[in-house]
Amino acid sequence: MSIYTEEQAKAILDKVLKLSTADECTATLAGNVTGNIRFALNAVSTSGKVSDTQLIVQCAYGKREGIATINEFDDAALERVVRRAEDLAKLAPENPEYMPALDKQTYRPSPTFVQATADITRRCAPGSPRRPSARARTTS
């Protein structure tokens, strides 16, 4: 999985909300990309990259809540996760501490994404083998 654009994420979340018949439905899409590097004998021996995206659906009927998660995003999978959350809510006992979901919120855009950082490859990682730069070749 890759990290979705705002438009792609909104399309998935809107689809989930339309599928729900619960009194309340909240959907959260979360994702991350992580990497690891393993060193042996002062050199990189292995490296890896993990990309994960997860959808969390929380449905409520009155004070009964159900939560289901999934990391597939085709139409059938979205239908399954919504039905699972709804079924769990119907089976759950009433929660005396239940708090209803907030109304729709408006958020300012967050300029926290930097394409140059997203484009970093293993070659850019500390300790990765690199060709000497022109400056390094002329000063040695």
C-alpha atoms as a PDB file:
ATOM      1  CA  MET A   1       0.000   0.000   0.000  1.00  0.00           C
ATOM      2  CA  SER A   2       1.071   3.521  -0.533  1.00  0.00           C
ATOM      3  CA  ILE A   3       0.069   6.699   1.184  1.00  0.00           C
ATOM      4  CA  TYR A   4      -3.091   8.045  -0.446  1.00  0.00           C
ATOM      5  CA  THR A   5      -3.620  11.561  -1.705  1.00  0.00           C
ATOM      6  CA  GLU A   6      -6.245  13.677   0.026  1.00  0.00           C
ATOM      7  CA  GLU A   7      -8.699  13.060  -2.830  1.00  0.00           C
ATOM      8  CA  GLN A   8      -8.170   9.277  -2.772  1.00  0.00           C
ATOM      9  CA  ALA A   9      -8.561   9.150   1.010  1.00  0.00           C
ATOM     10  CA  LYS A  10     -11.725  11.250   0.888  1.00  0.00           C
ATOM     11  CA  ALA A  11     -13.231   8.965  -1.766  1.00  0.00           C
ATOM     12  CA  ILE A  12     -12.624   5.879   0.415  1.00  0.00           C
ATOM     13  CA  LEU A  13     -13.973   7.531   3.564  1.00  0.00           C
ATOM     14  CA  ASP A  14     -17.068   8.904   1.808  1.00  0.00           C
ATOM     15  CA  LYS A  15     -17.802   5.445   0.393  1.00  0.00           C
ATOM     16  CA  VAL A  16     -17.548   3.894   3.880  1.00  0.00           C
ATOM     17  CA  LEU A  17     -19.884   6.464   5.421  1.00  0.00           C
ATOM     18  CA  LYS A  18     -22.469   5.889   2.670  1.00  0.00           C
ATOM     19  CA  LEU A  19     -22.389   2.124   3.270  1.00  0.00           C
ATOM     20  CA  SER A  20     -23.241   2.418   6.955  1.00  0.00           C
ATOM     21  CA  THR A  21     -26.785   2.154   8.294  1.00  0.00           C
ATOM     22  CA  ALA A  22     -25.737   2.741  11.914  1.00  0.00           C
ATOM     23  CA  ASP A  23     -26.897   5.711  13.976  1.00  0.00           C
ATOM     24  CA  GLU A  24     -23.302   6.946  13.891  1.00  0.00           C
ATOM     25  CA  CYS A  25     -20.308   5.949  11.812  1.00  0.00           C
ATOM     26  CA  THR A  26     -16.774   7.282  12.076  1.00  0.00           C
ATOM     27  CA  ALA A  27     -14.053   6.215   9.652  1.00  0.00           C
ATOM     28  CA  THR A  28     -10.336   6.861  10.056  1.00  0.00           C
ATOM     29  CA  LEU A  29      -7.692   6.201   7.423  1.00  0.00           C
ATOM     30  CA  ALA A  30      -4.147   5.982   8.754  1.00  0.00           C
ATOM     31  CA  GLY A  31      -0.931   5.084   7.000  1.00  0.00           C
ATOM     32  CA  ASN A  32       2.807   5.114   7.299  1.00  0.00           C
ATOM     33  CA  VAL A  33       5.984   4.233   5.485  1.00  0.00           C
ATOM     34  CA  THR A  34       8.892   2.987   7.547  1.00  0.00           C
ATOM     35  CA  GLY A  35      12.313   1.656   6.743  1.00  0.00           C
ATOM     36  CA  ASN A  36      15.110  -0.189   8.434  1.00  0.00           C
ATOM     37  CA  ILE A  37      18.802  -0.676   7.875  1.00  0.00           C
ATOM     38  CA  ARG A  38      20.943  -3.391   9.411  1.00  0.00           C
ATOM     39  CA  PHE A  39      24.679  -2.951   9.703  1.00  0.00           C
ATOM     40  CA  ALA A  40      27.313  -5.672   9.948  1.00  0.00           C
ATOM     41  CA  LEU A  41      31.076  -5.157   9.826  1.00  0.00           C
ATOM     42  CA  ASN A  42      30.566  -1.393   9.505  1.00  0.00           C
ATOM     43  CA  ALA A  43      28.549  -1.725   6.305  1.00  0.00           C
ATOM     44  CA  VAL A  44      24.890  -1.975   5.389  1.00  0.00           C
ATOM     45  CA  SER A  45      24.003  -5.659   5.190  1.00  0.00           C
ATOM     46  CA  THR A  46      20.223  -5.539   4.741  1.00  0.00           C
ATOM     47  CA  SER A  47      17.537  -2.938   4.441  1.00  0.00           C
ATOM     48  CA  GLY A  48      13.806  -2.869   4.008  1.00  0.00           C
ATOM     49  CA  LYS A  49      10.797  -0.662   3.518  1.00  0.00           C
ATOM     50  CA  VAL A  50       7.293  -1.229   4.875  1.00  0.00           C
ATOM     51  CA  SER A  51       4.275   0.719   3.682  1.00  0.00           C
ATOM     52  CA  ASP A  52       0.963   0.203   5.469  1.00  0.00           C
ATOM     53  CA  THR A  53      -2.456   1.817   5.339  1.00  0.00           C
ATOM     54  CA  GLN A  54      -5.299   0.900   7.663  1.00  0.00           C
ATOM     55  CA  LEU A  55      -8.988   1.803   7.775  1.00  0.00           C
ATOM     56  CA  ILE A  56     -10.716   1.927  11.169  1.00  0.00           C
ATOM     57  CA  VAL A  57     -14.529   1.956  11.153  1.00  0.00           C
ATOM     58  CA  GLN A  58     -16.456   2.704  14.344  1.00  0.00           C
ATOM     59  CA  CYS A  59     -20.241   2.275  14.288  1.00  0.00           C
ATOM     60  CA  ALA A  60     -22.768   2.942  17.033  1.00  0.00           C
ATOM     61  CA  TYR A  61     -26.396   2.097  17.646  1.00  0.00           C
ATOM     62  CA  GLY A  62     -27.461   4.137  20.642  1.00  0.00           C
ATOM     63  CA  LYS A  63     -24.774   3.496  23.257  1.00  0.00           C
ATOM     64  CA  ARG A  64     -23.581   0.253  21.645  1.00  0.00           C
ATOM     65  CA  GLU A  65     -20.312   0.530  19.740  1.00  0.00           C
ATOM     66  CA  GLY A  66     -18.404  -1.723  17.380  1.00  0.00           C
ATOM     67  CA  ILE A  67     -15.002  -1.180  15.793  1.00  0.00           C
ATOM     68  CA  ALA A  68     -13.448  -3.047  12.877  1.00  0.00           C
ATOM     69  CA  THR A  69     -10.220  -2.503  10.960  1.00  0.00           C
ATOM     70  CA  ILE A  70      -9.007  -3.551   7.535  1.00  0.00           C
ATOM     71  CA  ASN A  71      -6.111  -2.900   5.176  1.00  0.00           C
ATOM     72  CA  GLU A  72      -7.894  -3.700   1.898  1.00  0.00           C
ATOM     73  CA  PHE A  73      -9.790  -1.024   0.011  1.00  0.00           C
ATOM     74  CA  ASP A  74     -11.789  -2.642  -2.784  1.00  0.00           C
ATOM     75  CA  ASP A  75     -15.582  -2.227  -2.651  1.00  0.00           C
ATOM     76  CA  ALA A  76     -16.223  -5.711  -1.229  1.00  0.00           C
ATOM     77  CA  ALA A  77     -13.667  -5.185   1.563  1.00  0.00           C
ATOM     78  CA  LEU A  78     -15.160  -1.813   2.481  1.00  0.00           C
ATOM     79  CA  GLU A  79     -18.626  -3.388   2.653  1.00  0.00           C
ATOM     80  CA  ARG A  80     -17.266  -6.201   4.880  1.00  0.00           C
ATOM     81  CA  VAL A  81     -15.563  -3.891   7.366  1.00  0.00           C
ATOM     82  CA  VAL A  82     -18.639  -1.666   7.715  1.00  0.00           C
ATOM     83  CA  ARG A  83     -20.937  -4.670   8.262  1.00  0.00           C
ATOM     84  CA  ARG A  84     -18.471  -6.151  10.770  1.00  0.00           C
ATOM     85  CA  ALA A  85     -18.390  -2.926  12.797  1.00  0.00           C
ATOM     86  CA  GLU A  86     -22.188  -2.705  12.687  1.00  0.00           C
ATOM     87  CA  ASP A  87     -22.621  -6.348  13.723  1.00  0.00           C
ATOM     88  CA  LEU A  88     -20.218  -5.877  16.638  1.00  0.00           C
ATOM     89  CA  ALA A  89     -22.126  -2.777  17.729  1.00  0.00           C
ATOM     90  CA  LYS A  90     -25.403  -4.697  17.733  1.00  0.00           C
ATOM     91  CA  LEU A  91     -23.845  -7.427  19.900  1.00  0.00           C
ATOM     92  CA  ALA A  92     -22.058  -5.090  22.323  1.00  0.00           C
ATOM     93  CA  PRO A  93     -23.533  -4.126  25.698  1.00  0.00           C
ATOM     94  CA  GLU A  94     -24.442  -0.490  26.213  1.00  0.00           C
ATOM     95  CA  ASN A  95     -21.477   1.645  27.189  1.00  0.00           C
ATOM     96  CA  PRO A  96     -22.472   3.927  30.095  1.00  0.00           C
ATOM     97  CA  GLU A  97     -19.513   6.211  29.235  1.00  0.00           C
ATOM     98  CA  TYR A  98     -20.390   6.472  25.543  1.00  0.00           C
ATOM     99  CA  MET A  99     -19.727   9.860  23.953  1.00  0.00           C
ATOM    100  CA  PRO A 100     -21.271  10.662  20.567  1.00  0.00           C
ATOM    101  CA  ALA A 101     -18.999  11.529  17.655  1.00  0.00           C
ATOM    102  CA  LEU A 102     -18.205  15.167  16.978  1.00  0.00           C
ATOM    103  CA  ASP A 103     -20.052  16.935  14.200  1.00  0.00           C
ATOM    104  CA  LYS A 104     -18.212  17.433  10.918  1.00  0.00           C
ATOM    105  CA  GLN A 105     -15.034  19.435  11.508  1.00  0.00           C
ATOM    106  CA  THR A 106     -13.189  21.880   9.260  1.00  0.00           C
ATOM    107  CA  TYR A 107      -9.406  21.714   9.270  1.00  0.00           C
ATOM    108  CA  ARG A 108      -6.805  24.009   7.774  1.00  0.00           C
ATOM    109  CA  PRO A 109      -4.406  22.381   5.329  1.00  0.00           C
ATOM    110  CA  SER A 110      -1.263  21.127   7.013  1.00  0.00           C
ATOM    111  CA  PRO A 111       1.913  21.786   4.986  1.00  0.00           C
ATOM    112  CA  THR A 112       3.800  18.892   6.571  1.00  0.00           C
ATOM    113  CA  PHE A 113       4.435  16.797   3.443  1.00  0.00           C
ATOM    114  CA  VAL A 114       7.776  17.350   1.732  1.00  0.00           C
ATOM    115  CA  GLN A 115       8.252  15.529  -1.580  1.00  0.00           C
ATOM    116  CA  ALA A 116      12.048  15.551  -1.262  1.00  0.00           C
ATOM    117  CA  THR A 117      11.745  13.562   1.975  1.00  0.00           C
ATOM    118  CA  ALA A 118       9.257  11.131   0.429  1.00  0.00           C
ATOM    119  CA  ASP A 119      11.687  10.548  -2.462  1.00  0.00           C
ATOM    120  CA  ILE A 120      14.557   9.431  -0.228  1.00  0.00           C
ATOM    121  CA  THR A 121      15.866   6.033  -1.251  1.00  0.00           C
ATOM    122  CA  ARG A 122      18.179   3.562   0.413  1.00  0.00           C
ATOM    123  CA  ARG A 123      21.067   5.116  -1.517  1.00  0.00           C
ATOM    124  CA  CYS A 124      20.556   8.327   0.479  1.00  0.00           C
ATOM    125  CA  ALA A 125      20.656   6.565   3.843  1.00  0.00           C
ATOM    126  CA  PRO A 126      23.605   7.087   6.175  1.00  0.00           C
ATOM    127  CA  GLY A 127      26.239   4.419   5.625  1.00  0.00           C
ATOM    128  CA  SER A 128      25.050   3.545   2.128  1.00  0.00           C
ATOM    129  CA  PRO A 129      27.737   3.117  -0.492  1.00  0.00           C
ATOM    130  CA  ARG A 130      28.029   6.212  -2.674  1.00  0.00           C
ATOM    131  CA  ARG A 131      30.215   7.410  -5.473  1.00  0.00           C
ATOM    132  CA  PRO A 132      32.597  10.162  -4.410  1.00  0.00           C
ATOM    133  CA  SER A 133      31.357  13.604  -5.286  1.00  0.00           C
ATOM    134  CA  ALA A 134      33.317  15.807  -7.682  1.00  0.00           C
ATOM    135  CA  ARG A 135      34.425  18.006  -4.780  1.00  0.00           C
ATOM    136  CA  ALA A 136      35.722  15.030  -2.800  1.00  0.00           C
ATOM    137  CA  ARG A 137      37.705  13.749  -5.806  1.00  0.00           C
ATOM    138  CA  THR A 138      39.396  17.123  -6.343  1.00  0.00           C
ATOM    139  CA  THR A 139      40.330  17.692  -2.692  1.00  0.00           C
ATOM    140  CA  SER A 140      41.947  14.316  -2.047  1.00  0.00           C
END
